Amino acid sequence: MASWGHVNPAVSLAMVILGKLKIWKFPFYVIAQFLGAFAGAAAVFGLYYDAFMDFTSGILSVTGINATGHIFASYPARHLSVLGGFIDQVVGTGMLVLCILAIIDGGNIGAPKGVEPLAIGLIIMAIGVSMGLNCGYPLNPARDLGPRLFTAVAGWGMEVFSTADNWWWIPVAGPMVGGVIAAVIYYLFIELHHPHVEHENSLKDKYEMITMS
């Protein structure tokens, strides 16, 4: 379970903290995740290029009645403050990472074998339904920043970073913090108490990794 192909940097960071992913692999995971998200955004733009041009008359914008930037990345609702958005992402991503860790942990009953992806997908749907109002629940830094970078170079310009008091860093930093907190909570309150479970690293090494983080 330690080598799952996770596509979320927050999940990858949690795995590093728990000793389930070697730290030297982390940058490669993150780079691949961002490139994948960037390529996905480019594919969507190419597929619906004519629709974009027809709807916007060729003027791509982040705000206004014909805004289309939100199709690719998250932007906050008018009622949401920067602090509120940060907390929203910490809580949402923390919940996601906690559930993922519980599902893939060999020391738990977990989900039936082969059903893990479905279970995680349902968890993401539940988080989205319950927390999507504020800013669309951007729980994945790569999924948000990768497409945002694409829109910056594809015609939307630097407005994608400056809009809403430089909102762009919230969907990047918030999920990462949430992933770290979730990993620490899961280890201290669940994994640490598993009986007779072999780990790749000793308890002492894991404790040192958590305290250092």
N, C-alpha and C. Protein backbone atom coordinates (compact mmCIF):
# COMPACT_ATOMS: atom_id res chain seq x y z
N MET A 1 0.82 -1.20 0.00
CA MET A 1 0.00 0.00 0.00
C MET A 1 0.86 1.27 0.00
N ALA A 2 2.12 1.09 0.32
CA ALA A 2 2.98 2.25 0.43
C ALA A 2 3.30 2.87 -0.93
N SER A 3 3.10 2.12 -2.00
CA SER A 3 3.49 2.61 -3.32
C SER A 3 2.29 3.00 -4.17
N TRP A 4 1.18 3.28 -3.56
CA TRP A 4 0.00 3.69 -4.31
C TRP A 4 0.32 4.91 -5.16
N GLY A 5 -0.32 4.98 -6.34
CA GLY A 5 -0.06 6.08 -7.25
C GLY A 5 -0.92 7.28 -6.91
N HIS A 6 -0.70 7.87 -5.75
CA HIS A 6 -1.52 9.02 -5.35
C HIS A 6 -1.22 10.21 -6.25
N VAL A 7 -2.24 11.00 -6.54
CA VAL A 7 -2.13 12.12 -7.47
C VAL A 7 -2.29 13.46 -6.76
N ASN A 8 -2.16 13.45 -5.45
CA ASN A 8 -2.36 14.65 -4.65
C ASN A 8 -1.12 14.91 -3.80
N PRO A 9 -0.44 16.06 -3.96
CA PRO A 9 0.75 16.35 -3.17
C PRO A 9 0.50 16.30 -1.66
N ALA A 10 -0.71 16.67 -1.23
CA ALA A 10 -1.02 16.63 0.20
C ALA A 10 -1.01 15.20 0.72
N VAL A 11 -1.52 14.27 -0.09
CA VAL A 11 -1.49 12.86 0.28
C VAL A 11 -0.06 12.34 0.25
N SER A 12 0.70 12.73 -0.76
CA SER A 12 2.10 12.30 -0.85
C SER A 12 2.89 12.78 0.36
N LEU A 13 2.67 14.02 0.77
CA LEU A 13 3.37 14.55 1.94
C LEU A 13 3.00 13.79 3.20
N ALA A 14 1.73 13.46 3.34
CA ALA A 14 1.29 12.66 4.49
C ALA A 14 1.98 11.31 4.49
N MET A 15 2.13 10.70 3.33
CA MET A 15 2.80 9.41 3.23
C MET A 15 4.28 9.52 3.61
N VAL A 16 4.91 10.63 3.23
CA VAL A 16 6.30 10.85 3.61
C VAL A 16 6.43 10.93 5.13
N ILE A 17 5.55 11.68 5.75
CA ILE A 17 5.60 11.85 7.20
C ILE A 17 5.40 10.53 7.92
N LEU A 18 4.56 9.68 7.39
CA LEU A 18 4.28 8.38 8.01
C LEU A 18 5.28 7.31 7.60
N GLY A 19 6.25 7.67 6.80
CA GLY A 19 7.26 6.71 6.39
C GLY A 19 6.80 5.74 5.33
N LYS A 20 5.70 6.03 4.65
CA LYS A 20 5.15 5.14 3.62
C LYS A 20 5.63 5.53 2.23
N LEU A 21 6.31 6.66 2.12
CA LEU A 21 6.87 7.11 0.85
C LEU A 21 8.24 7.70 1.14
N LYS A 22 9.25 7.22 0.43
CA LYS A 22 10.60 7.72 0.65
C LYS A 22 10.67 9.19 0.26
N ILE A 23 11.35 9.97 1.09
CA ILE A 23 11.34 11.43 0.90
C ILE A 23 11.96 11.83 -0.43
N TRP A 24 12.92 11.06 -0.93
CA TRP A 24 13.56 11.44 -2.20
C TRP A 24 12.60 11.28 -3.38
N LYS A 25 11.56 10.47 -3.20
CA LYS A 25 10.57 10.29 -4.26
C LYS A 25 9.55 11.42 -4.29
N PHE A 26 9.41 12.13 -3.18
CA PHE A 26 8.36 13.14 -3.06
C PHE A 26 8.41 14.20 -4.16
N PRO A 27 9.59 14.81 -4.45
CA PRO A 27 9.61 15.83 -5.51
C PRO A 27 9.17 15.29 -6.86
N PHE A 28 9.53 14.03 -7.16
CA PHE A 28 9.15 13.45 -8.45
C PHE A 28 7.63 13.22 -8.53
N TYR A 29 7.05 12.78 -7.41
CA TYR A 29 5.60 12.64 -7.36
C TYR A 29 4.93 13.99 -7.62
N VAL A 30 5.39 15.02 -6.93
CA VAL A 30 4.76 16.34 -7.03
C VAL A 30 4.90 16.90 -8.43
N ILE A 31 6.08 16.78 -9.02
CA ILE A 31 6.29 17.27 -10.38
C ILE A 31 5.34 16.56 -11.35
N ALA A 32 5.25 15.23 -11.22
CA ALA A 32 4.36 14.47 -12.10
C ALA A 32 2.91 14.88 -11.89
N GLN A 33 2.51 15.12 -10.65
CA GLN A 33 1.14 15.52 -10.35
C GLN A 33 0.81 16.88 -10.97
N PHE A 34 1.73 17.83 -10.87
CA PHE A 34 1.50 19.15 -11.44
C PHE A 34 1.48 19.09 -12.97
N LEU A 35 2.39 18.34 -13.55
CA LEU A 35 2.42 18.22 -15.00
C LEU A 35 1.16 17.55 -15.52
N GLY A 36 0.67 16.54 -14.80
CA GLY A 36 -0.56 15.87 -15.19
C GLY A 36 -1.75 16.81 -15.17
N ALA A 37 -1.84 17.62 -14.11
CA ALA A 37 -2.94 18.57 -14.00
C ALA A 37 -2.85 19.65 -15.08
N PHE A 38 -1.64 20.11 -15.36
CA PHE A 38 -1.42 21.11 -16.40
C PHE A 38 -1.85 20.55 -17.76
N ALA A 39 -1.44 19.32 -18.03
CA ALA A 39 -1.78 18.69 -19.31
C ALA A 39 -3.28 18.46 -19.42
N GLY A 40 -3.91 18.10 -18.30
CA GLY A 40 -5.35 17.91 -18.31
C GLY A 40 -6.10 19.19 -18.64
N ALA A 41 -5.63 20.30 -18.05
CA ALA A 41 -6.25 21.59 -18.34
C ALA A 41 -6.07 21.96 -19.81
N ALA A 42 -4.89 21.69 -20.34
CA ALA A 42 -4.64 21.99 -21.75
C ALA A 42 -5.56 21.15 -22.66
N ALA A 43 -5.78 19.90 -22.27
CA ALA A 43 -6.66 19.04 -23.07
C ALA A 43 -8.10 19.55 -23.06
N VAL A 44 -8.57 19.98 -21.88
CA VAL A 44 -9.93 20.51 -21.78
C VAL A 44 -10.08 21.77 -22.62
N PHE A 45 -9.08 22.65 -22.55
CA PHE A 45 -9.14 23.90 -23.31
C PHE A 45 -9.14 23.62 -24.81
N GLY A 46 -8.31 22.67 -25.22
CA GLY A 46 -8.27 22.33 -26.64
C GLY A 46 -9.56 21.71 -27.12
N LEU A 47 -10.15 20.85 -26.30
CA LEU A 47 -11.39 20.17 -26.67
C LEU A 47 -12.56 21.14 -26.80
N TYR A 48 -12.59 22.13 -25.91
CA TYR A 48 -13.72 23.06 -25.89
C TYR A 48 -13.32 24.47 -26.34
N TYR A 49 -12.27 24.56 -27.13
CA TYR A 49 -11.76 25.87 -27.56
C TYR A 49 -12.84 26.69 -28.26
N ASP A 50 -13.54 26.07 -29.18
CA ASP A 50 -14.57 26.81 -29.93
C ASP A 50 -15.68 27.29 -28.99
N ALA A 51 -16.03 26.47 -28.01
CA ALA A 51 -17.06 26.88 -27.05
C ALA A 51 -16.60 28.06 -26.22
N PHE A 52 -15.32 28.04 -25.81
CA PHE A 52 -14.77 29.17 -25.05
C PHE A 52 -14.82 30.44 -25.88
N MET A 53 -14.40 30.36 -27.12
CA MET A 53 -14.35 31.55 -27.96
C MET A 53 -15.76 32.09 -28.24
N ASP A 54 -16.71 31.18 -28.40
CA ASP A 54 -18.08 31.60 -28.67
C ASP A 54 -18.70 32.29 -27.45
N PHE A 55 -18.46 31.72 -26.28
CA PHE A 55 -19.06 32.25 -25.05
C PHE A 55 -18.43 33.56 -24.62
N THR A 56 -17.10 33.69 -24.80
CA THR A 56 -16.39 34.87 -24.31
C THR A 56 -16.09 35.90 -25.39
N SER A 57 -16.44 35.61 -26.65
CA SER A 57 -16.09 36.47 -27.79
C SER A 57 -14.58 36.69 -27.86
N GLY A 58 -13.84 35.69 -27.42
CA GLY A 58 -12.38 35.75 -27.50
C GLY A 58 -11.71 36.46 -26.36
N ILE A 59 -12.49 36.94 -25.39
CA ILE A 59 -11.92 37.65 -24.24
C ILE A 59 -12.00 36.75 -23.02
N LEU A 60 -10.88 36.16 -22.64
CA LEU A 60 -10.84 35.23 -21.52
C LEU A 60 -10.62 36.00 -20.23
N SER A 61 -11.51 35.83 -19.26
CA SER A 61 -11.42 36.60 -18.02
C SER A 61 -11.71 35.72 -16.81
N VAL A 62 -11.28 36.22 -15.67
CA VAL A 62 -11.47 35.51 -14.40
C VAL A 62 -12.70 36.02 -13.68
N THR A 63 -13.01 37.29 -13.85
CA THR A 63 -14.17 37.90 -13.20
C THR A 63 -15.12 38.46 -14.26
N GLY A 64 -16.32 38.79 -13.83
CA GLY A 64 -17.29 39.35 -14.75
C GLY A 64 -18.32 38.33 -15.20
N ILE A 65 -19.27 38.80 -15.99
CA ILE A 65 -20.39 37.96 -16.38
C ILE A 65 -19.97 36.80 -17.28
N ASN A 66 -18.89 36.98 -18.04
CA ASN A 66 -18.41 35.93 -18.93
C ASN A 66 -17.14 35.27 -18.41
N ALA A 67 -16.96 35.28 -17.11
CA ALA A 67 -15.76 34.69 -16.51
C ALA A 67 -15.71 33.18 -16.76
N THR A 68 -14.54 32.68 -17.08
CA THR A 68 -14.36 31.26 -17.34
C THR A 68 -13.16 30.67 -16.60
N GLY A 69 -12.43 31.50 -15.88
CA GLY A 69 -11.25 30.99 -15.17
C GLY A 69 -11.60 29.96 -14.12
N HIS A 70 -12.79 30.09 -13.54
CA HIS A 70 -13.19 29.17 -12.47
C HIS A 70 -13.44 27.75 -12.98
N ILE A 71 -13.49 27.58 -14.29
CA ILE A 71 -13.64 26.24 -14.85
C ILE A 71 -12.40 25.40 -14.57
N PHE A 72 -11.25 26.07 -14.49
CA PHE A 72 -9.98 25.37 -14.35
C PHE A 72 -9.43 25.37 -12.92
N ALA A 73 -9.67 26.40 -12.17
CA ALA A 73 -9.11 26.51 -10.81
C ALA A 73 -10.16 27.10 -9.89
N SER A 74 -9.89 27.06 -8.59
CA SER A 74 -10.87 27.53 -7.61
C SER A 74 -10.70 29.02 -7.32
N TYR A 75 -11.84 29.66 -7.08
CA TYR A 75 -11.87 31.06 -6.66
C TYR A 75 -12.91 31.17 -5.56
N PRO A 76 -12.69 32.02 -4.58
CA PRO A 76 -13.59 32.05 -3.41
C PRO A 76 -14.92 32.72 -3.70
N ALA A 77 -15.94 32.27 -2.97
CA ALA A 77 -17.24 32.95 -3.01
C ALA A 77 -17.09 34.33 -2.38
N ARG A 78 -17.99 35.21 -2.69
CA ARG A 78 -17.87 36.60 -2.21
C ARG A 78 -17.86 36.71 -0.70
N HIS A 79 -18.51 35.76 -0.01
CA HIS A 79 -18.61 35.85 1.44
C HIS A 79 -17.37 35.32 2.14
N LEU A 80 -16.45 34.69 1.41
CA LEU A 80 -15.35 33.96 2.04
C LEU A 80 -14.12 34.84 2.21
N SER A 81 -13.59 34.87 3.45
CA SER A 81 -12.36 35.60 3.72
C SER A 81 -11.15 34.71 3.44
N VAL A 82 -9.97 35.31 3.41
CA VAL A 82 -8.74 34.54 3.18
C VAL A 82 -8.54 33.52 4.30
N LEU A 83 -8.72 33.95 5.53
CA LEU A 83 -8.57 33.03 6.66
C LEU A 83 -9.61 31.91 6.60
N GLY A 84 -10.85 32.28 6.26
CA GLY A 84 -11.89 31.28 6.14
C GLY A 84 -11.58 30.26 5.06
N GLY A 85 -11.02 30.73 3.95
CA GLY A 85 -10.65 29.83 2.88
C GLY A 85 -9.53 28.89 3.28
N PHE A 86 -8.57 29.42 4.02
CA PHE A 86 -7.45 28.59 4.47
C PHE A 86 -7.93 27.49 5.41
N ILE A 87 -8.77 27.87 6.36
CA ILE A 87 -9.32 26.88 7.30
C ILE A 87 -10.16 25.86 6.55
N ASP A 88 -10.93 26.32 5.58
CA ASP A 88 -11.76 25.43 4.78
C ASP A 88 -10.91 24.34 4.13
N GLN A 89 -9.76 24.73 3.58
CA GLN A 89 -8.91 23.77 2.90
C GLN A 89 -8.17 22.85 3.86
N VAL A 90 -7.76 23.39 5.01
CA VAL A 90 -7.10 22.56 6.01
C VAL A 90 -8.05 21.47 6.51
N VAL A 91 -9.28 21.85 6.82
CA VAL A 91 -10.26 20.89 7.33
C VAL A 91 -10.65 19.88 6.26
N GLY A 92 -10.97 20.36 5.06
CA GLY A 92 -11.40 19.47 4.00
C GLY A 92 -10.34 18.45 3.61
N THR A 93 -9.11 18.93 3.40
CA THR A 93 -8.04 18.01 3.01
C THR A 93 -7.66 17.11 4.16
N GLY A 94 -7.70 17.64 5.39
CA GLY A 94 -7.42 16.80 6.54
C GLY A 94 -8.39 15.63 6.64
N MET A 95 -9.66 15.91 6.41
CA MET A 95 -10.67 14.84 6.43
C MET A 95 -10.39 13.81 5.34
N LEU A 96 -10.03 14.29 4.16
CA LEU A 96 -9.75 13.39 3.04
C LEU A 96 -8.56 12.48 3.36
N VAL A 97 -7.48 13.07 3.84
CA VAL A 97 -6.27 12.29 4.12
C VAL A 97 -6.51 11.30 5.25
N LEU A 98 -7.23 11.71 6.28
CA LEU A 98 -7.55 10.78 7.37
C LEU A 98 -8.31 9.56 6.85
N CYS A 99 -9.27 9.79 6.00
CA CYS A 99 -10.06 8.69 5.45
C CYS A 99 -9.22 7.79 4.55
N ILE A 100 -8.36 8.40 3.73
CA ILE A 100 -7.50 7.60 2.85
C ILE A 100 -6.56 6.73 3.68
N LEU A 101 -5.98 7.30 4.73
CA LEU A 101 -5.06 6.53 5.58
C LEU A 101 -5.79 5.37 6.24
N ALA A 102 -7.02 5.62 6.68
CA ALA A 102 -7.79 4.55 7.32
C ALA A 102 -8.11 3.43 6.34
N ILE A 103 -8.36 3.78 5.08
CA ILE A 103 -8.72 2.78 4.07
C ILE A 103 -7.53 1.92 3.68
N ILE A 104 -6.35 2.53 3.52
CA ILE A 104 -5.21 1.78 3.00
C ILE A 104 -4.33 1.19 4.10
N ASP A 105 -4.61 1.50 5.36
CA ASP A 105 -3.81 0.99 6.47
C ASP A 105 -4.07 -0.50 6.65
N GLY A 106 -3.01 -1.29 6.52
CA GLY A 106 -3.15 -2.73 6.67
C GLY A 106 -3.55 -3.17 8.06
N GLY A 107 -3.39 -2.28 9.04
CA GLY A 107 -3.77 -2.62 10.40
C GLY A 107 -5.24 -2.44 10.69
N ASN A 108 -5.98 -1.88 9.73
CA ASN A 108 -7.42 -1.70 9.89
C ASN A 108 -8.18 -2.73 9.06
N ILE A 109 -9.47 -2.85 9.33
CA ILE A 109 -10.29 -3.70 8.48
C ILE A 109 -10.35 -3.11 7.08
N GLY A 110 -10.51 -1.77 7.01
CA GLY A 110 -10.48 -1.08 5.73
C GLY A 110 -11.62 -1.45 4.81
N ALA A 111 -11.50 -1.00 3.56
CA ALA A 111 -12.50 -1.33 2.55
C ALA A 111 -12.15 -2.68 1.93
N PRO A 112 -13.13 -3.40 1.39
CA PRO A 112 -12.84 -4.68 0.71
C PRO A 112 -11.81 -4.47 -0.39
N LYS A 113 -10.98 -5.45 -0.61
CA LYS A 113 -9.93 -5.36 -1.61
C LYS A 113 -10.52 -5.06 -2.99
N GLY A 114 -9.96 -4.06 -3.64
CA GLY A 114 -10.43 -3.66 -4.95
C GLY A 114 -11.47 -2.57 -4.93
N VAL A 115 -12.02 -2.30 -3.75
CA VAL A 115 -13.07 -1.28 -3.63
C VAL A 115 -12.49 0.03 -3.11
N GLU A 116 -11.20 0.04 -2.79
CA GLU A 116 -10.59 1.25 -2.20
C GLU A 116 -10.76 2.50 -3.07
N PRO A 117 -10.53 2.43 -4.39
CA PRO A 117 -10.74 3.63 -5.21
C PRO A 117 -12.17 4.16 -5.15
N LEU A 118 -13.14 3.25 -5.16
CA LEU A 118 -14.54 3.66 -5.07
C LEU A 118 -14.82 4.33 -3.73
N ALA A 119 -14.28 3.77 -2.65
CA ALA A 119 -14.49 4.35 -1.33
C ALA A 119 -13.90 5.75 -1.25
N ILE A 120 -12.70 5.92 -1.78
CA ILE A 120 -12.06 7.24 -1.76
C ILE A 120 -12.85 8.22 -2.63
N GLY A 121 -13.35 7.75 -3.78
CA GLY A 121 -14.16 8.62 -4.63
C GLY A 121 -15.43 9.08 -3.95
N LEU A 122 -16.06 8.19 -3.20
CA LEU A 122 -17.28 8.56 -2.46
C LEU A 122 -16.97 9.55 -1.35
N ILE A 123 -15.80 9.40 -0.75
CA ILE A 123 -15.38 10.35 0.30
C ILE A 123 -15.20 11.74 -0.29
N ILE A 124 -14.54 11.80 -1.44
CA ILE A 124 -14.34 13.10 -2.11
C ILE A 124 -15.69 13.71 -2.48
N MET A 125 -16.62 12.89 -2.96
CA MET A 125 -17.94 13.40 -3.29
C MET A 125 -18.64 13.94 -2.05
N ALA A 126 -18.54 13.22 -0.93
CA ALA A 126 -19.18 13.67 0.31
C ALA A 126 -18.60 15.00 0.78
N ILE A 127 -17.27 15.13 0.69
CA ILE A 127 -16.64 16.39 1.09
C ILE A 127 -17.09 17.51 0.16
N GLY A 128 -17.17 17.23 -1.13
CA GLY A 128 -17.59 18.24 -2.08
C GLY A 128 -19.02 18.71 -1.86
N VAL A 129 -19.91 17.76 -1.60
CA VAL A 129 -21.32 18.10 -1.38
C VAL A 129 -21.47 18.94 -0.12
N SER A 130 -20.71 18.62 0.91
CA SER A 130 -20.88 19.30 2.20
C SER A 130 -20.04 20.57 2.33
N MET A 131 -18.95 20.69 1.56
CA MET A 131 -18.05 21.82 1.76
C MET A 131 -17.76 22.59 0.47
N GLY A 132 -18.47 22.30 -0.60
CA GLY A 132 -18.14 22.91 -1.87
C GLY A 132 -18.60 24.34 -2.07
N LEU A 133 -19.47 24.84 -1.19
CA LEU A 133 -20.05 26.16 -1.40
C LEU A 133 -19.01 27.28 -1.33
N ASN A 134 -18.08 27.19 -0.41
CA ASN A 134 -17.14 28.29 -0.17
C ASN A 134 -16.22 28.57 -1.36
N CYS A 135 -15.61 27.52 -1.88
CA CYS A 135 -14.64 27.75 -2.96
C CYS A 135 -14.47 26.54 -3.86
N GLY A 136 -15.41 25.60 -3.80
CA GLY A 136 -15.32 24.45 -4.68
C GLY A 136 -14.42 23.34 -4.18
N TYR A 137 -14.09 23.35 -2.92
CA TYR A 137 -13.27 22.33 -2.25
C TYR A 137 -12.03 21.89 -3.04
N PRO A 138 -11.08 22.82 -3.29
CA PRO A 138 -9.84 22.42 -3.96
C PRO A 138 -8.92 21.68 -3.00
N LEU A 139 -9.07 20.37 -2.89
CA LEU A 139 -8.34 19.57 -1.92
C LEU A 139 -6.98 19.12 -2.45
N ASN A 140 -6.66 19.46 -3.68
CA ASN A 140 -5.45 18.98 -4.33
C ASN A 140 -4.65 20.16 -4.88
N PRO A 141 -3.49 20.48 -4.28
CA PRO A 141 -2.70 21.62 -4.77
C PRO A 141 -2.32 21.51 -6.24
N ALA A 142 -1.99 20.30 -6.69
CA ALA A 142 -1.61 20.12 -8.09
C ALA A 142 -2.81 20.36 -9.00
N ARG A 143 -3.97 19.87 -8.60
CA ARG A 143 -5.18 20.03 -9.39
C ARG A 143 -5.59 21.50 -9.52
N ASP A 144 -5.19 22.32 -8.57
CA ASP A 144 -5.55 23.74 -8.63
C ASP A 144 -4.45 24.58 -9.28
N LEU A 145 -3.22 24.42 -8.83
CA LEU A 145 -2.14 25.27 -9.33
C LEU A 145 -1.74 24.91 -10.76
N GLY A 146 -1.75 23.62 -11.10
CA GLY A 146 -1.40 23.23 -12.45
C GLY A 146 -2.30 23.89 -13.50
N PRO A 147 -3.62 23.72 -13.41
CA PRO A 147 -4.52 24.39 -14.35
C PRO A 147 -4.46 25.91 -14.25
N ARG A 148 -4.20 26.43 -13.05
CA ARG A 148 -4.10 27.90 -12.91
C ARG A 148 -2.91 28.42 -13.71
N LEU A 149 -1.80 27.70 -13.64
CA LEU A 149 -0.63 28.08 -14.45
C LEU A 149 -0.95 28.00 -15.93
N PHE A 150 -1.72 26.99 -16.32
CA PHE A 150 -2.09 26.88 -17.73
C PHE A 150 -2.92 28.08 -18.16
N THR A 151 -3.92 28.44 -17.35
CA THR A 151 -4.76 29.58 -17.74
C THR A 151 -3.96 30.87 -17.81
N ALA A 152 -2.92 30.98 -16.98
CA ALA A 152 -2.10 32.19 -16.99
C ALA A 152 -1.40 32.36 -18.34
N VAL A 153 -0.99 31.24 -18.94
CA VAL A 153 -0.26 31.33 -20.21
C VAL A 153 -1.17 31.15 -21.42
N ALA A 154 -2.41 30.72 -21.19
CA ALA A 154 -3.31 30.43 -22.31
C ALA A 154 -4.22 31.60 -22.68
N GLY A 155 -4.10 32.71 -21.97
CA GLY A 155 -4.91 33.86 -22.35
C GLY A 155 -5.61 34.59 -21.22
N TRP A 156 -5.70 33.97 -20.04
CA TRP A 156 -6.36 34.62 -18.91
C TRP A 156 -5.42 35.61 -18.21
N GLY A 157 -4.13 35.41 -18.36
CA GLY A 157 -3.15 36.34 -17.82
C GLY A 157 -2.93 36.19 -16.32
N MET A 158 -2.18 37.13 -15.76
CA MET A 158 -1.80 37.08 -14.35
C MET A 158 -2.95 37.37 -13.41
N GLU A 159 -4.10 37.70 -13.98
CA GLU A 159 -5.29 37.92 -13.15
C GLU A 159 -5.66 36.65 -12.38
N VAL A 160 -5.27 35.51 -12.89
CA VAL A 160 -5.59 34.26 -12.21
C VAL A 160 -4.88 34.16 -10.86
N PHE A 161 -3.80 34.93 -10.67
CA PHE A 161 -3.08 34.93 -9.40
C PHE A 161 -3.46 36.12 -8.51
N SER A 162 -3.79 37.24 -9.11
CA SER A 162 -4.06 38.45 -8.32
C SER A 162 -5.50 38.57 -7.85
N THR A 163 -6.42 37.87 -8.50
CA THR A 163 -7.83 37.97 -8.15
C THR A 163 -8.10 37.55 -6.71
N ALA A 164 -9.05 38.22 -6.06
CA ALA A 164 -9.49 37.89 -4.70
C ALA A 164 -8.34 37.96 -3.71
N ASP A 165 -7.62 39.10 -3.75
CA ASP A 165 -6.51 39.33 -2.81
C ASP A 165 -5.47 38.22 -2.89
N ASN A 166 -5.05 37.91 -4.10
CA ASN A 166 -4.01 36.88 -4.32
C ASN A 166 -4.42 35.54 -3.72
N TRP A 167 -5.62 35.12 -4.03
CA TRP A 167 -6.19 33.90 -3.47
C TRP A 167 -5.40 32.65 -3.82
N TRP A 168 -4.64 32.65 -4.89
CA TRP A 168 -4.08 31.44 -5.49
C TRP A 168 -3.32 30.56 -4.50
N TRP A 169 -2.67 31.15 -3.50
CA TRP A 169 -1.83 30.35 -2.60
C TRP A 169 -2.65 29.56 -1.58
N ILE A 170 -3.90 29.95 -1.36
CA ILE A 170 -4.74 29.25 -0.37
C ILE A 170 -4.98 27.79 -0.77
N PRO A 171 -5.37 27.50 -2.03
CA PRO A 171 -5.59 26.10 -2.41
C PRO A 171 -4.29 25.30 -2.53
N VAL A 172 -3.15 25.97 -2.36
CA VAL A 172 -1.87 25.26 -2.38
C VAL A 172 -1.40 24.98 -0.96
N ALA A 173 -1.35 26.02 -0.13
CA ALA A 173 -0.84 25.87 1.23
C ALA A 173 -1.84 25.16 2.15
N GLY A 174 -3.12 25.49 2.03
CA GLY A 174 -4.13 24.91 2.92
C GLY A 174 -4.16 23.40 2.89
N PRO A 175 -4.26 22.78 1.70
CA PRO A 175 -4.27 21.32 1.65
C PRO A 175 -3.00 20.68 2.17
N MET A 176 -1.85 21.30 1.93
CA MET A 176 -0.59 20.73 2.43
C MET A 176 -0.56 20.71 3.95
N VAL A 177 -1.01 21.82 4.55
CA VAL A 177 -1.08 21.87 6.02
C VAL A 177 -2.09 20.85 6.53
N GLY A 178 -3.23 20.76 5.87
CA GLY A 178 -4.24 19.79 6.27
C GLY A 178 -3.73 18.36 6.19
N GLY A 179 -2.95 18.05 5.15
CA GLY A 179 -2.39 16.72 5.01
C GLY A 179 -1.41 16.38 6.11
N VAL A 180 -0.58 17.35 6.49
CA VAL A 180 0.39 17.13 7.57
C VAL A 180 -0.33 16.90 8.89
N ILE A 181 -1.30 17.74 9.19
CA ILE A 181 -2.05 17.60 10.45
C ILE A 181 -2.75 16.25 10.51
N ALA A 182 -3.36 15.85 9.40
CA ALA A 182 -4.06 14.56 9.36
C ALA A 182 -3.10 13.41 9.58
N ALA A 183 -1.90 13.48 8.99
CA ALA A 183 -0.92 12.41 9.16
C ALA A 183 -0.49 12.28 10.61
N VAL A 184 -0.25 13.42 11.25
CA VAL A 184 0.16 13.40 12.66
C VAL A 184 -0.96 12.85 13.54
N ILE A 185 -2.18 13.30 13.30
CA ILE A 185 -3.33 12.82 14.09
C ILE A 185 -3.51 11.32 13.90
N TYR A 186 -3.43 10.87 12.65
CA TYR A 186 -3.65 9.46 12.38
C TYR A 186 -2.58 8.60 13.05
N TYR A 187 -1.36 9.04 12.97
CA TYR A 187 -0.28 8.25 13.57
C TYR A 187 -0.40 8.19 15.09
N LEU A 188 -0.61 9.35 15.71
CA LEU A 188 -0.64 9.41 17.18
C LEU A 188 -1.84 8.70 17.78
N PHE A 189 -2.98 8.76 17.10
CA PHE A 189 -4.21 8.23 17.70
C PHE A 189 -4.64 6.87 17.14
N ILE A 190 -4.07 6.47 16.01
CA ILE A 190 -4.50 5.19 15.43
C ILE A 190 -3.31 4.28 15.14
N GLU A 191 -2.45 4.68 14.23
CA GLU A 191 -1.39 3.78 13.79
C GLU A 191 -0.44 3.39 14.92
N LEU A 192 -0.17 4.31 15.80
CA LEU A 192 0.75 4.04 16.91
C LEU A 192 0.23 2.93 17.81
N HIS A 193 -1.08 2.70 17.79
CA HIS A 193 -1.69 1.73 18.70
C HIS A 193 -2.03 0.40 18.03
N HIS A 194 -1.60 0.22 16.78
CA HIS A 194 -1.82 -1.06 16.11
C HIS A 194 -0.97 -2.14 16.79
N PRO A 195 -1.53 -3.27 17.14
CA PRO A 195 -0.74 -4.36 17.71
C PRO A 195 -0.06 -5.21 16.64
N HIS A 196 1.23 -5.49 16.87
CA HIS A 196 1.98 -6.43 16.03
C HIS A 196 1.93 -6.07 14.55
N VAL A 197 2.09 -4.80 14.26
CA VAL A 197 2.13 -4.38 12.87
C VAL A 197 3.55 -3.95 12.53
N GLU A 198 4.10 -4.51 11.46
CA GLU A 198 5.45 -4.17 11.06
C GLU A 198 5.42 -2.89 10.23
N HIS A 199 6.37 -1.99 10.51
CA HIS A 199 6.48 -0.74 9.78
C HIS A 199 7.83 -0.66 9.11
N GLU A 200 7.91 0.13 8.08
CA GLU A 200 9.17 0.28 7.37
C GLU A 200 10.19 1.01 8.25
N ASN A 201 9.75 1.91 9.06
CA ASN A 201 10.64 2.65 9.95
C ASN A 201 10.26 2.34 11.38
N SER A 202 11.18 2.53 12.28
CA SER A 202 10.91 2.30 13.69
C SER A 202 10.00 3.39 14.22
N LEU A 203 9.36 3.14 15.37
CA LEU A 203 8.50 4.14 15.98
C LEU A 203 9.28 5.41 16.30
N LYS A 204 10.52 5.21 16.70
CA LYS A 204 11.34 6.38 17.04
C LYS A 204 11.58 7.23 15.82
N ASP A 205 11.90 6.60 14.69
CA ASP A 205 12.14 7.36 13.46
C ASP A 205 10.90 8.12 13.03
N LYS A 206 9.73 7.47 13.12
CA LYS A 206 8.49 8.14 12.74
C LYS A 206 8.20 9.32 13.66
N TYR A 207 8.43 9.11 14.93
CA TYR A 207 8.18 10.20 15.89
C TYR A 207 9.07 11.39 15.58
N GLU A 208 10.33 11.11 15.23
CA GLU A 208 11.25 12.20 14.91
C GLU A 208 10.82 12.92 13.63
N MET A 209 10.30 12.15 12.64
CA MET A 209 9.82 12.78 11.40
C MET A 209 8.65 13.71 11.69
N ILE A 210 7.75 13.27 12.57
CA ILE A 210 6.57 14.09 12.89
C ILE A 210 6.96 15.34 13.64
N THR A 211 7.85 15.20 14.62
CA THR A 211 8.24 16.36 15.41
C THR A 211 9.03 17.36 14.55
N MET A 212 9.83 16.86 13.64
CA MET A 212 10.59 17.75 12.75
C MET A 212 9.69 18.50 11.81
N SER A 213 8.57 17.86 11.39
CA SER A 213 7.65 18.50 10.45
C SER A 213 6.81 19.56 11.15
